[in-house]
Amino acid sequence: MPQVQPATSYADVEVHEKEHVAIAAEPYDTKEKGSLFRVDYLSHGVMPIWLVVTNTGDKPISLRDARILFEPAKGDEIQAAEVEDVLRLMTKTDRMGTKIPMPTPFPSIHTKAKGSLKDIQADFDQFEYGTLVVEPHTTRAGFLFYDVSELDNPLKGAKLHLFKLRDADGKELFYFEIPFDKYLQSKSSAMK
């Protein structure tokens, strides 16, 4: 697991001072970053995103009803994938390279996904963001996995939307929107 830092230490962060909450998102969009997983998600069109939530207030905040959606520059919002979604996508992308033109009565060729259900489940168990409550003066982090297989440049112009987060009294917090352009700029600056 990557070392957890306060959300404000990441390039892509939104801070709500009045609500005492900061949320950051960091895409794991390179093979080097993705090497901590058992499965190569990127090669199958799955983008792991490191989500960091820091509560600087004196009361807990709840993510029990939270909605965390990936919104590409063009297209519909994408919900975080479940284990079965990732396995299905990996099986599909592995099959794409094995298509052989045949007359229609023949069945399609099926191949086994390069990432096994056991490996994907182990990654989700170990790395997936699962915190429902962020205690006062605490930072919690974990990964969400998004199917970006249909997108050519998934991060350019994309955003992570978070809503339905609640304070200790059940009041909904203001909507969070984290654009990935800051991350892309910081990444290109680091390469210069």
N, C-alpha and C. Protein backbone atom coordinates (compact mmCIF):
# COMPACT_ATOMS: atom_id res chain seq x y z
N MET A 1 0.86 -1.18 0.00
CA MET A 1 0.00 0.00 0.00
C MET A 1 0.90 1.24 0.00
N PRO A 2 0.59 2.22 -0.84
CA PRO A 2 1.37 3.46 -0.80
C PRO A 2 1.24 4.14 0.56
N GLN A 3 2.27 4.90 0.90
CA GLN A 3 2.23 5.63 2.17
C GLN A 3 1.16 6.71 2.09
N VAL A 4 0.33 6.79 3.11
CA VAL A 4 -0.78 7.76 3.13
C VAL A 4 -0.26 9.10 3.63
N GLN A 5 -0.46 10.13 2.80
CA GLN A 5 -0.13 11.50 3.14
C GLN A 5 -1.43 12.29 3.26
N PRO A 6 -1.44 13.44 3.94
CA PRO A 6 -2.65 14.28 3.95
C PRO A 6 -3.04 14.66 2.52
N ALA A 7 -4.31 14.77 2.27
CA ALA A 7 -4.81 15.05 0.92
C ALA A 7 -4.19 16.31 0.31
N THR A 8 -3.87 17.28 1.13
CA THR A 8 -3.31 18.54 0.62
C THR A 8 -1.90 18.39 0.05
N SER A 9 -1.26 17.24 0.22
CA SER A 9 0.08 17.05 -0.32
C SER A 9 0.07 16.51 -1.75
N TYR A 10 -1.12 16.30 -2.33
CA TYR A 10 -1.24 15.78 -3.69
C TYR A 10 -1.57 16.90 -4.67
N ALA A 11 -1.20 16.72 -5.94
CA ALA A 11 -1.44 17.74 -6.97
C ALA A 11 -2.94 17.97 -7.20
N ASP A 12 -3.70 16.89 -7.30
CA ASP A 12 -5.15 17.00 -7.54
C ASP A 12 -5.89 16.91 -6.22
N VAL A 13 -6.23 18.06 -5.67
CA VAL A 13 -6.91 18.10 -4.38
C VAL A 13 -7.96 19.20 -4.38
N GLU A 14 -9.04 18.97 -3.69
CA GLU A 14 -10.03 20.01 -3.44
C GLU A 14 -10.20 20.10 -1.93
N VAL A 15 -10.09 21.34 -1.44
CA VAL A 15 -10.18 21.59 0.00
C VAL A 15 -11.43 22.40 0.29
N HIS A 16 -12.21 21.94 1.26
CA HIS A 16 -13.36 22.68 1.75
C HIS A 16 -13.03 23.10 3.18
N GLU A 17 -12.50 24.31 3.31
CA GLU A 17 -12.05 24.82 4.61
C GLU A 17 -13.17 24.82 5.66
N LYS A 18 -14.35 25.32 5.28
CA LYS A 18 -15.45 25.43 6.25
C LYS A 18 -15.92 24.06 6.74
N GLU A 19 -15.83 23.07 5.87
CA GLU A 19 -16.28 21.73 6.24
C GLU A 19 -15.15 20.87 6.80
N HIS A 20 -13.93 21.40 6.78
CA HIS A 20 -12.75 20.72 7.33
C HIS A 20 -12.44 19.41 6.62
N VAL A 21 -12.61 19.40 5.31
CA VAL A 21 -12.36 18.19 4.53
C VAL A 21 -11.52 18.54 3.30
N ALA A 22 -10.54 17.69 3.02
CA ALA A 22 -9.76 17.78 1.78
C ALA A 22 -9.78 16.40 1.14
N ILE A 23 -10.00 16.37 -0.17
CA ILE A 23 -10.02 15.10 -0.90
C ILE A 23 -9.09 15.22 -2.10
N ALA A 24 -8.22 14.23 -2.25
CA ALA A 24 -7.27 14.19 -3.36
C ALA A 24 -7.46 12.90 -4.14
N ALA A 25 -7.06 12.97 -5.41
CA ALA A 25 -7.11 11.79 -6.27
C ALA A 25 -5.83 11.75 -7.10
N GLU A 26 -5.20 10.59 -7.15
CA GLU A 26 -4.00 10.41 -7.95
C GLU A 26 -4.15 9.17 -8.82
N PRO A 27 -4.20 9.36 -10.14
CA PRO A 27 -4.29 8.21 -11.04
C PRO A 27 -3.00 7.38 -11.02
N TYR A 28 -3.15 6.09 -11.08
CA TYR A 28 -2.01 5.20 -11.24
C TYR A 28 -1.97 4.80 -12.71
N ASP A 29 -1.46 5.72 -13.52
CA ASP A 29 -1.55 5.64 -14.97
C ASP A 29 -0.26 5.22 -15.66
N THR A 30 0.68 4.66 -14.91
CA THR A 30 1.91 4.16 -15.51
C THR A 30 2.16 2.73 -15.02
N LYS A 31 2.92 1.99 -15.81
CA LYS A 31 3.26 0.61 -15.41
C LYS A 31 4.06 0.62 -14.11
N GLU A 32 4.91 1.63 -13.95
CA GLU A 32 5.73 1.72 -12.74
C GLU A 32 4.85 1.85 -11.50
N LYS A 33 3.88 2.76 -11.54
CA LYS A 33 2.97 2.92 -10.41
C LYS A 33 2.12 1.68 -10.20
N GLY A 34 1.67 1.09 -11.30
CA GLY A 34 0.78 -0.07 -11.23
C GLY A 34 1.46 -1.35 -10.81
N SER A 35 2.79 -1.31 -10.66
CA SER A 35 3.52 -2.54 -10.33
C SER A 35 3.21 -3.06 -8.92
N LEU A 36 2.58 -2.26 -8.09
CA LEU A 36 2.25 -2.74 -6.74
C LEU A 36 1.07 -3.72 -6.76
N PHE A 37 0.31 -3.76 -7.85
CA PHE A 37 -0.83 -4.67 -7.96
C PHE A 37 -0.39 -6.03 -8.50
N ARG A 38 -1.20 -7.04 -8.27
CA ARG A 38 -0.94 -8.39 -8.77
C ARG A 38 -1.28 -8.49 -10.26
N VAL A 39 -2.14 -7.59 -10.74
CA VAL A 39 -2.66 -7.63 -12.10
C VAL A 39 -2.31 -6.32 -12.80
N ASP A 40 -2.01 -6.40 -14.10
CA ASP A 40 -1.72 -5.20 -14.90
C ASP A 40 -3.05 -4.63 -15.40
N TYR A 41 -3.67 -3.79 -14.59
CA TYR A 41 -4.99 -3.25 -14.90
C TYR A 41 -4.96 -2.32 -16.12
N LEU A 42 -3.93 -1.51 -16.23
CA LEU A 42 -3.86 -0.53 -17.32
C LEU A 42 -3.91 -1.19 -18.69
N SER A 43 -3.23 -2.32 -18.84
CA SER A 43 -3.21 -2.98 -20.16
C SER A 43 -4.59 -3.51 -20.55
N HIS A 44 -5.51 -3.57 -19.60
CA HIS A 44 -6.88 -4.02 -19.86
C HIS A 44 -7.89 -2.89 -19.81
N GLY A 45 -7.39 -1.63 -19.74
CA GLY A 45 -8.30 -0.50 -19.76
C GLY A 45 -8.93 -0.15 -18.43
N VAL A 46 -8.30 -0.57 -17.33
CA VAL A 46 -8.80 -0.25 -16.00
C VAL A 46 -7.82 0.71 -15.34
N MET A 47 -8.32 1.88 -14.92
CA MET A 47 -7.48 2.91 -14.29
C MET A 47 -7.67 2.88 -12.77
N PRO A 48 -6.62 2.47 -12.03
CA PRO A 48 -6.68 2.59 -10.57
C PRO A 48 -6.48 4.06 -10.17
N ILE A 49 -7.29 4.55 -9.27
CA ILE A 49 -7.16 5.93 -8.78
C ILE A 49 -7.06 5.90 -7.26
N TRP A 50 -5.98 6.47 -6.75
CA TRP A 50 -5.69 6.55 -5.31
C TRP A 50 -6.53 7.70 -4.77
N LEU A 51 -7.46 7.40 -3.89
CA LEU A 51 -8.35 8.38 -3.29
C LEU A 51 -7.92 8.62 -1.86
N VAL A 52 -7.74 9.90 -1.50
CA VAL A 52 -7.26 10.27 -0.17
C VAL A 52 -8.26 11.27 0.43
N VAL A 53 -8.78 10.97 1.61
CA VAL A 53 -9.74 11.84 2.29
C VAL A 53 -9.15 12.23 3.64
N THR A 54 -9.00 13.54 3.85
CA THR A 54 -8.48 14.06 5.11
C THR A 54 -9.57 14.85 5.82
N ASN A 55 -9.82 14.49 7.07
CA ASN A 55 -10.80 15.19 7.91
C ASN A 55 -10.01 15.97 8.96
N THR A 56 -9.99 17.31 8.85
CA THR A 56 -9.27 18.14 9.82
C THR A 56 -10.20 18.66 10.92
N GLY A 57 -11.45 18.29 10.87
CA GLY A 57 -12.44 18.76 11.84
C GLY A 57 -12.46 17.93 13.11
N ASP A 58 -13.39 18.29 13.99
CA ASP A 58 -13.52 17.62 15.29
C ASP A 58 -14.62 16.56 15.30
N LYS A 59 -15.31 16.38 14.18
CA LYS A 59 -16.38 15.39 14.09
C LYS A 59 -16.13 14.48 12.89
N PRO A 60 -16.59 13.24 12.95
CA PRO A 60 -16.39 12.32 11.83
C PRO A 60 -17.22 12.73 10.61
N ILE A 61 -16.78 12.26 9.44
CA ILE A 61 -17.58 12.43 8.22
C ILE A 61 -17.87 11.04 7.67
N SER A 62 -19.02 10.91 7.03
CA SER A 62 -19.47 9.62 6.54
C SER A 62 -19.42 9.57 5.01
N LEU A 63 -18.89 8.45 4.52
CA LEU A 63 -18.89 8.17 3.09
C LEU A 63 -19.82 6.99 2.79
N ARG A 64 -20.66 6.65 3.75
CA ARG A 64 -21.55 5.49 3.59
C ARG A 64 -22.43 5.60 2.34
N ASP A 65 -22.95 6.79 2.06
CA ASP A 65 -23.83 6.99 0.90
C ASP A 65 -23.12 7.69 -0.26
N ALA A 66 -21.80 7.84 -0.14
CA ALA A 66 -21.04 8.63 -1.13
C ALA A 66 -21.14 8.03 -2.53
N ARG A 67 -21.15 8.92 -3.49
CA ARG A 67 -21.08 8.56 -4.91
C ARG A 67 -19.78 9.14 -5.43
N ILE A 68 -18.93 8.31 -6.01
CA ILE A 68 -17.63 8.75 -6.51
C ILE A 68 -17.54 8.30 -7.96
N LEU A 69 -17.70 9.25 -8.87
CA LEU A 69 -17.82 8.95 -10.29
C LEU A 69 -16.68 9.59 -11.08
N PHE A 70 -16.19 8.86 -12.08
CA PHE A 70 -15.18 9.36 -13.01
C PHE A 70 -15.91 9.95 -14.20
N GLU A 71 -15.65 11.22 -14.50
CA GLU A 71 -16.30 11.86 -15.64
C GLU A 71 -15.26 12.21 -16.69
N PRO A 72 -15.26 11.48 -17.81
CA PRO A 72 -14.31 11.81 -18.88
C PRO A 72 -14.69 13.13 -19.54
N ALA A 73 -13.76 13.69 -20.32
CA ALA A 73 -14.02 14.95 -21.01
C ALA A 73 -15.27 14.84 -21.89
N LYS A 74 -15.43 13.69 -22.53
CA LYS A 74 -16.61 13.44 -23.36
C LYS A 74 -17.20 12.10 -22.96
N GLY A 75 -18.48 12.09 -22.73
CA GLY A 75 -19.13 10.82 -22.38
C GLY A 75 -19.80 10.86 -21.03
N ASP A 76 -20.38 9.73 -20.68
CA ASP A 76 -21.12 9.60 -19.43
C ASP A 76 -20.18 9.34 -18.26
N GLU A 77 -20.67 9.66 -17.06
CA GLU A 77 -19.91 9.37 -15.85
C GLU A 77 -19.78 7.86 -15.68
N ILE A 78 -18.65 7.45 -15.08
CA ILE A 78 -18.34 6.04 -14.92
C ILE A 78 -18.27 5.72 -13.43
N GLN A 79 -19.00 4.70 -13.01
CA GLN A 79 -18.96 4.25 -11.61
C GLN A 79 -17.72 3.39 -11.40
N ALA A 80 -17.25 3.35 -10.17
CA ALA A 80 -16.11 2.49 -9.85
C ALA A 80 -16.49 1.03 -10.13
N ALA A 81 -15.52 0.30 -10.66
CA ALA A 81 -15.76 -1.10 -11.04
C ALA A 81 -15.71 -2.00 -9.82
N GLU A 82 -16.43 -3.10 -9.93
CA GLU A 82 -16.39 -4.17 -8.93
C GLU A 82 -15.47 -5.27 -9.47
N VAL A 83 -15.14 -6.23 -8.66
CA VAL A 83 -14.25 -7.33 -9.06
C VAL A 83 -14.76 -8.01 -10.33
N GLU A 84 -16.06 -8.30 -10.37
CA GLU A 84 -16.64 -9.02 -11.51
C GLU A 84 -16.54 -8.18 -12.79
N ASP A 85 -16.70 -6.85 -12.68
CA ASP A 85 -16.58 -5.97 -13.84
C ASP A 85 -15.17 -6.03 -14.42
N VAL A 86 -14.18 -6.01 -13.54
CA VAL A 86 -12.78 -6.05 -13.98
C VAL A 86 -12.47 -7.38 -14.64
N LEU A 87 -12.90 -8.48 -14.05
CA LEU A 87 -12.66 -9.80 -14.64
C LEU A 87 -13.33 -9.91 -16.01
N ARG A 88 -14.56 -9.43 -16.12
CA ARG A 88 -15.27 -9.47 -17.39
C ARG A 88 -14.53 -8.65 -18.45
N LEU A 89 -14.05 -7.49 -18.08
CA LEU A 89 -13.33 -6.63 -19.01
C LEU A 89 -12.02 -7.29 -19.45
N MET A 90 -11.32 -7.91 -18.50
CA MET A 90 -10.05 -8.57 -18.84
C MET A 90 -10.26 -9.75 -19.77
N THR A 91 -11.31 -10.50 -19.55
CA THR A 91 -11.62 -11.63 -20.43
C THR A 91 -11.96 -11.11 -21.82
N LYS A 92 -12.71 -10.02 -21.88
CA LYS A 92 -13.09 -9.43 -23.17
C LYS A 92 -11.87 -8.92 -23.93
N THR A 93 -10.97 -8.19 -23.26
CA THR A 93 -9.81 -7.65 -23.97
C THR A 93 -8.84 -8.75 -24.37
N ASP A 94 -8.75 -9.82 -23.61
CA ASP A 94 -7.90 -10.94 -24.01
C ASP A 94 -8.46 -11.62 -25.25
N ARG A 95 -9.79 -11.72 -25.35
CA ARG A 95 -10.44 -12.34 -26.50
C ARG A 95 -10.29 -11.51 -27.76
N MET A 96 -10.23 -10.20 -27.62
CA MET A 96 -10.20 -9.31 -28.79
C MET A 96 -9.03 -9.66 -29.72
N GLY A 97 -7.92 -10.05 -29.17
CA GLY A 97 -6.77 -10.39 -29.99
C GLY A 97 -6.84 -11.77 -30.62
N THR A 98 -7.82 -12.58 -30.27
CA THR A 98 -7.88 -13.95 -30.77
C THR A 98 -9.03 -14.17 -31.76
N LYS A 99 -9.62 -13.11 -32.25
CA LYS A 99 -10.74 -13.27 -33.19
C LYS A 99 -10.22 -13.79 -34.53
N ILE A 100 -10.83 -14.86 -34.98
CA ILE A 100 -10.49 -15.45 -36.27
C ILE A 100 -11.76 -15.43 -37.11
N PRO A 101 -11.69 -14.85 -38.33
CA PRO A 101 -12.91 -14.81 -39.15
C PRO A 101 -13.38 -16.22 -39.50
N MET A 102 -14.62 -16.51 -39.14
CA MET A 102 -15.22 -17.82 -39.42
C MET A 102 -16.67 -17.63 -39.81
N PRO A 103 -17.23 -18.58 -40.50
CA PRO A 103 -18.66 -18.50 -40.77
C PRO A 103 -19.44 -18.47 -39.46
N THR A 104 -20.62 -17.88 -39.46
CA THR A 104 -21.39 -17.65 -38.25
C THR A 104 -21.80 -18.87 -37.44
N PRO A 105 -21.98 -20.07 -37.96
CA PRO A 105 -22.40 -21.14 -37.06
C PRO A 105 -21.33 -21.57 -36.06
N PHE A 106 -20.07 -21.13 -36.23
CA PHE A 106 -19.02 -21.55 -35.32
C PHE A 106 -19.03 -20.67 -34.07
N PRO A 107 -18.78 -21.28 -32.91
CA PRO A 107 -18.74 -20.49 -31.67
C PRO A 107 -17.48 -19.63 -31.60
N SER A 108 -17.55 -18.54 -30.84
CA SER A 108 -16.37 -17.69 -30.68
C SER A 108 -15.37 -18.39 -29.78
N ILE A 109 -14.13 -18.02 -29.93
CA ILE A 109 -13.05 -18.62 -29.13
C ILE A 109 -12.98 -17.87 -27.81
N HIS A 110 -12.96 -18.61 -26.71
CA HIS A 110 -12.87 -18.00 -25.38
C HIS A 110 -11.48 -18.26 -24.82
N THR A 111 -10.93 -17.25 -24.17
CA THR A 111 -9.64 -17.41 -23.53
C THR A 111 -9.77 -17.02 -22.06
N LYS A 112 -8.82 -17.47 -21.29
CA LYS A 112 -8.82 -17.16 -19.87
C LYS A 112 -8.17 -15.78 -19.69
N ALA A 113 -8.72 -14.98 -18.81
CA ALA A 113 -8.15 -13.66 -18.53
C ALA A 113 -6.76 -13.81 -17.93
N LYS A 114 -5.86 -12.85 -18.25
CA LYS A 114 -4.51 -12.88 -17.71
C LYS A 114 -4.50 -12.58 -16.22
N GLY A 115 -5.52 -11.90 -15.74
CA GLY A 115 -5.65 -11.67 -14.31
C GLY A 115 -6.70 -12.62 -13.77
N SER A 116 -6.33 -13.46 -12.85
CA SER A 116 -7.29 -14.43 -12.33
C SER A 116 -8.23 -13.75 -11.34
N LEU A 117 -9.37 -14.36 -11.14
CA LEU A 117 -10.34 -13.86 -10.17
C LEU A 117 -9.68 -13.78 -8.79
N LYS A 118 -8.87 -14.76 -8.46
CA LYS A 118 -8.18 -14.79 -7.17
C LYS A 118 -7.27 -13.56 -7.01
N ASP A 119 -6.50 -13.23 -8.04
CA ASP A 119 -5.58 -12.08 -7.99
C ASP A 119 -6.35 -10.76 -7.92
N ILE A 120 -7.39 -10.64 -8.72
CA ILE A 120 -8.19 -9.41 -8.73
C ILE A 120 -8.86 -9.23 -7.37
N GLN A 121 -9.44 -10.30 -6.84
CA GLN A 121 -10.08 -10.23 -5.53
C GLN A 121 -9.08 -9.85 -4.44
N ALA A 122 -7.88 -10.42 -4.51
CA ALA A 122 -6.84 -10.10 -3.52
C ALA A 122 -6.44 -8.63 -3.60
N ASP A 123 -6.33 -8.09 -4.83
CA ASP A 123 -6.01 -6.67 -4.99
C ASP A 123 -7.12 -5.80 -4.41
N PHE A 124 -8.36 -6.13 -4.69
CA PHE A 124 -9.49 -5.35 -4.17
C PHE A 124 -9.53 -5.43 -2.64
N ASP A 125 -9.30 -6.63 -2.10
CA ASP A 125 -9.31 -6.79 -0.64
C ASP A 125 -8.22 -5.95 0.02
N GLN A 126 -7.07 -5.90 -0.61
CA GLN A 126 -5.93 -5.20 -0.02
C GLN A 126 -5.95 -3.69 -0.29
N PHE A 127 -6.36 -3.28 -1.49
CA PHE A 127 -6.15 -1.90 -1.91
C PHE A 127 -7.40 -1.04 -2.06
N GLU A 128 -8.57 -1.65 -2.22
CA GLU A 128 -9.78 -0.87 -2.51
C GLU A 128 -10.14 0.07 -1.36
N TYR A 129 -10.60 1.27 -1.73
CA TYR A 129 -11.05 2.22 -0.72
C TYR A 129 -12.33 1.67 -0.09
N GLY A 130 -12.29 1.41 1.20
CA GLY A 130 -13.46 0.82 1.84
C GLY A 130 -13.89 1.54 3.10
N THR A 131 -13.26 2.66 3.42
CA THR A 131 -13.59 3.39 4.64
C THR A 131 -14.95 4.05 4.52
N LEU A 132 -15.82 3.80 5.48
CA LEU A 132 -17.15 4.42 5.48
C LEU A 132 -17.19 5.66 6.36
N VAL A 133 -16.30 5.76 7.34
CA VAL A 133 -16.26 6.91 8.23
C VAL A 133 -14.80 7.36 8.36
N VAL A 134 -14.58 8.67 8.18
CA VAL A 134 -13.25 9.24 8.39
C VAL A 134 -13.32 10.01 9.72
N GLU A 135 -12.58 9.51 10.69
CA GLU A 135 -12.60 10.06 12.03
C GLU A 135 -11.98 11.46 12.06
N PRO A 136 -12.23 12.23 13.10
CA PRO A 136 -11.63 13.57 13.22
C PRO A 136 -10.10 13.51 13.17
N HIS A 137 -9.51 14.48 12.50
CA HIS A 137 -8.06 14.63 12.41
C HIS A 137 -7.38 13.36 11.89
N THR A 138 -8.01 12.78 10.86
CA THR A 138 -7.52 11.52 10.29
C THR A 138 -7.52 11.60 8.76
N THR A 139 -6.62 10.84 8.16
CA THR A 139 -6.59 10.69 6.70
C THR A 139 -6.78 9.21 6.38
N ARG A 140 -7.68 8.92 5.46
CA ARG A 140 -7.92 7.55 4.98
C ARG A 140 -7.73 7.52 3.48
N ALA A 141 -7.22 6.40 2.97
CA ALA A 141 -6.95 6.32 1.53
C ALA A 141 -7.15 4.89 1.04
N GLY A 142 -7.32 4.78 -0.26
CA GLY A 142 -7.46 3.49 -0.92
C GLY A 142 -7.70 3.72 -2.40
N PHE A 143 -7.81 2.64 -3.14
CA PHE A 143 -7.97 2.73 -4.59
C PHE A 143 -9.40 2.47 -5.02
N LEU A 144 -9.79 3.18 -6.08
CA LEU A 144 -11.00 2.87 -6.82
C LEU A 144 -10.54 2.52 -8.24
N PHE A 145 -11.25 1.62 -8.89
CA PHE A 145 -10.85 1.14 -10.21
C PHE A 145 -11.95 1.52 -11.20
N TYR A 146 -11.55 2.15 -12.32
CA TYR A 146 -12.52 2.62 -13.31
C TYR A 146 -12.23 2.03 -14.68
N ASP A 147 -13.29 1.60 -15.36
CA ASP A 147 -13.19 1.08 -16.72
C ASP A 147 -13.08 2.26 -17.69
N VAL A 148 -11.87 2.48 -18.20
CA VAL A 148 -11.64 3.57 -19.16
C VAL A 148 -11.24 2.99 -20.52
N SER A 149 -11.59 1.74 -20.75
CA SER A 149 -11.17 1.02 -21.96
C SER A 149 -11.68 1.64 -23.25
N GLU A 150 -12.76 2.38 -23.19
CA GLU A 150 -13.32 2.99 -24.39
C GLU A 150 -12.78 4.40 -24.64
N LEU A 151 -11.86 4.87 -23.81
CA LEU A 151 -11.36 6.24 -23.88
C LEU A 151 -9.92 6.26 -24.40
N ASP A 152 -9.65 7.17 -25.36
CA ASP A 152 -8.30 7.27 -25.92
C ASP A 152 -7.32 7.92 -24.95
N ASN A 153 -7.70 9.03 -24.36
CA ASN A 153 -6.85 9.74 -23.40
C ASN A 153 -7.72 10.01 -22.17
N PRO A 154 -7.87 9.01 -21.30
CA PRO A 154 -8.89 9.09 -20.25
C PRO A 154 -8.75 10.24 -19.26
N LEU A 155 -7.54 10.72 -18.99
CA LEU A 155 -7.38 11.74 -17.96
C LEU A 155 -7.51 13.17 -18.48
N LYS A 156 -7.26 13.38 -19.76
CA LYS A 156 -7.30 14.74 -20.31
C LYS A 156 -8.73 15.28 -20.24
N GLY A 157 -8.90 16.35 -19.47
CA GLY A 157 -10.21 16.98 -19.31
C GLY A 157 -11.16 16.22 -18.39
N ALA A 158 -10.69 15.15 -17.78
CA ALA A 158 -11.54 14.32 -16.91
C ALA A 158 -11.56 14.87 -15.48
N LYS A 159 -12.58 14.44 -14.73
CA LYS A 159 -12.76 14.87 -13.34
C LYS A 159 -13.26 13.69 -12.52
N LEU A 160 -13.00 13.77 -11.23
CA LEU A 160 -13.59 12.84 -10.29
C LEU A 160 -14.63 13.62 -9.50
N HIS A 161 -15.87 13.14 -9.50
CA HIS A 161 -16.97 13.80 -8.80
C HIS A 161 -17.29 13.01 -7.54
N LEU A 162 -17.41 13.72 -6.43
CA LEU A 162 -17.78 13.10 -5.16
C LEU A 162 -18.94 13.87 -4.56
N PHE A 163 -20.00 13.16 -4.24
CA PHE A 163 -21.13 13.80 -3.58
C PHE A 163 -21.81 12.81 -2.65
N LYS A 164 -22.71 13.33 -1.85
CA LYS A 164 -23.43 12.59 -0.81
C LYS A 164 -22.50 12.17 0.34
N LEU A 165 -21.47 12.97 0.60
CA LEU A 165 -20.67 12.80 1.81
C LEU A 165 -21.42 13.55 2.90
N ARG A 166 -21.41 13.05 4.11
CA ARG A 166 -22.18 13.67 5.19
C ARG A 166 -21.33 13.92 6.42
N ASP A 167 -21.71 14.97 7.17
CA ASP A 167 -21.04 15.24 8.44
C ASP A 167 -21.68 14.40 9.54
N ALA A 168 -21.22 14.56 10.76
CA ALA A 168 -21.70 13.76 11.89
C ALA A 168 -23.19 13.95 12.17
N ASP A 169 -23.75 15.11 11.77
CA ASP A 169 -25.17 15.39 11.98
C ASP A 169 -26.04 14.90 10.82
N GLY A 170 -25.42 14.27 9.81
CA GLY A 170 -26.17 13.77 8.66
C GLY A 170 -26.36 14.79 7.56
N LYS A 171 -25.82 15.99 7.73
CA LYS A 171 -25.94 17.04 6.72
C LYS A 171 -24.98 16.75 5.57
N GLU A 172 -25.48 16.85 4.33
CA GLU A 172 -24.65 16.58 3.17
C GLU A 172 -23.61 17.68 2.98
N LEU A 173 -22.36 17.27 2.75
CA LEU A 173 -21.28 18.22 2.49
C LEU A 173 -21.40 18.75 1.07
N PHE A 174 -20.73 19.87 0.83
CA PHE A 174 -20.71 20.45 -0.50
C PHE A 174 -20.03 19.48 -1.47
N TYR A 175 -20.47 19.49 -2.69
CA TYR A 175 -20.00 18.64 -3.78
C TYR A 175 -18.50 18.83 -4.04
N PHE A 176 -17.75 17.73 -4.25
CA PHE A 176 -16.33 17.79 -4.59
C PHE A 176 -16.15 17.47 -6.06
N GLU A 177 -15.28 18.24 -6.73
CA GLU A 177 -14.96 17.99 -8.13
C GLU A 177 -13.45 18.14 -8.28
N ILE A 178 -12.79 17.06 -8.64
CA ILE A 178 -11.33 17.06 -8.73
C ILE A 178 -10.94 16.85 -10.19
N PRO A 179 -10.47 17.91 -10.88
CA PRO A 179 -10.04 17.77 -12.27
C PRO A 179 -8.64 17.14 -12.33
N PHE A 180 -8.42 16.28 -13.31
CA PHE A 180 -7.12 15.62 -13.44
C PHE A 180 -6.11 16.43 -14.23
N ASP A 181 -6.50 17.59 -14.73
CA ASP A 181 -5.57 18.43 -15.49
C ASP A 181 -4.39 18.87 -14.63
N LYS A 182 -4.62 19.15 -13.33
CA LYS A 182 -3.51 19.53 -12.43
C LYS A 182 -2.51 18.39 -12.33
N TYR A 183 -3.02 17.18 -12.23
CA TYR A 183 -2.14 16.01 -12.15
C TYR A 183 -1.31 15.90 -13.43
N LEU A 184 -1.96 16.04 -14.58
CA LEU A 184 -1.25 15.93 -15.86
C LEU A 184 -0.20 17.03 -15.99
N GLN A 185 -0.51 18.24 -15.53
CA GLN A 185 0.46 19.34 -15.58
C GLN A 185 1.64 19.05 -14.67
N SER A 186 1.38 18.56 -13.46
CA SER A 186 2.47 18.27 -12.53
C SER A 186 3.34 17.11 -13.07
N LYS A 187 2.70 16.19 -13.73
CA LYS A 187 3.42 15.04 -14.31
C LYS A 187 4.32 15.50 -15.46
N SER A 188 3.81 16.38 -16.33
CA SER A 188 4.62 16.87 -17.44
C SER A 188 5.73 17.78 -16.95
N SER A 189 5.50 18.54 -15.89
CA SER A 189 6.54 19.40 -15.29
C SER A 189 7.66 18.55 -14.71
N ALA A 190 7.31 17.44 -14.11
CA ALA A 190 8.30 16.56 -13.50
C ALA A 190 9.19 15.90 -14.56
N MET A 191 8.65 15.75 -15.78
CA MET A 191 9.42 15.11 -16.86
C MET A 191 10.41 16.06 -17.52
N LYS A 192 10.23 17.36 -17.31
CA LYS A 192 11.13 18.35 -17.96
C LYS A 192 12.44 18.46 -17.28
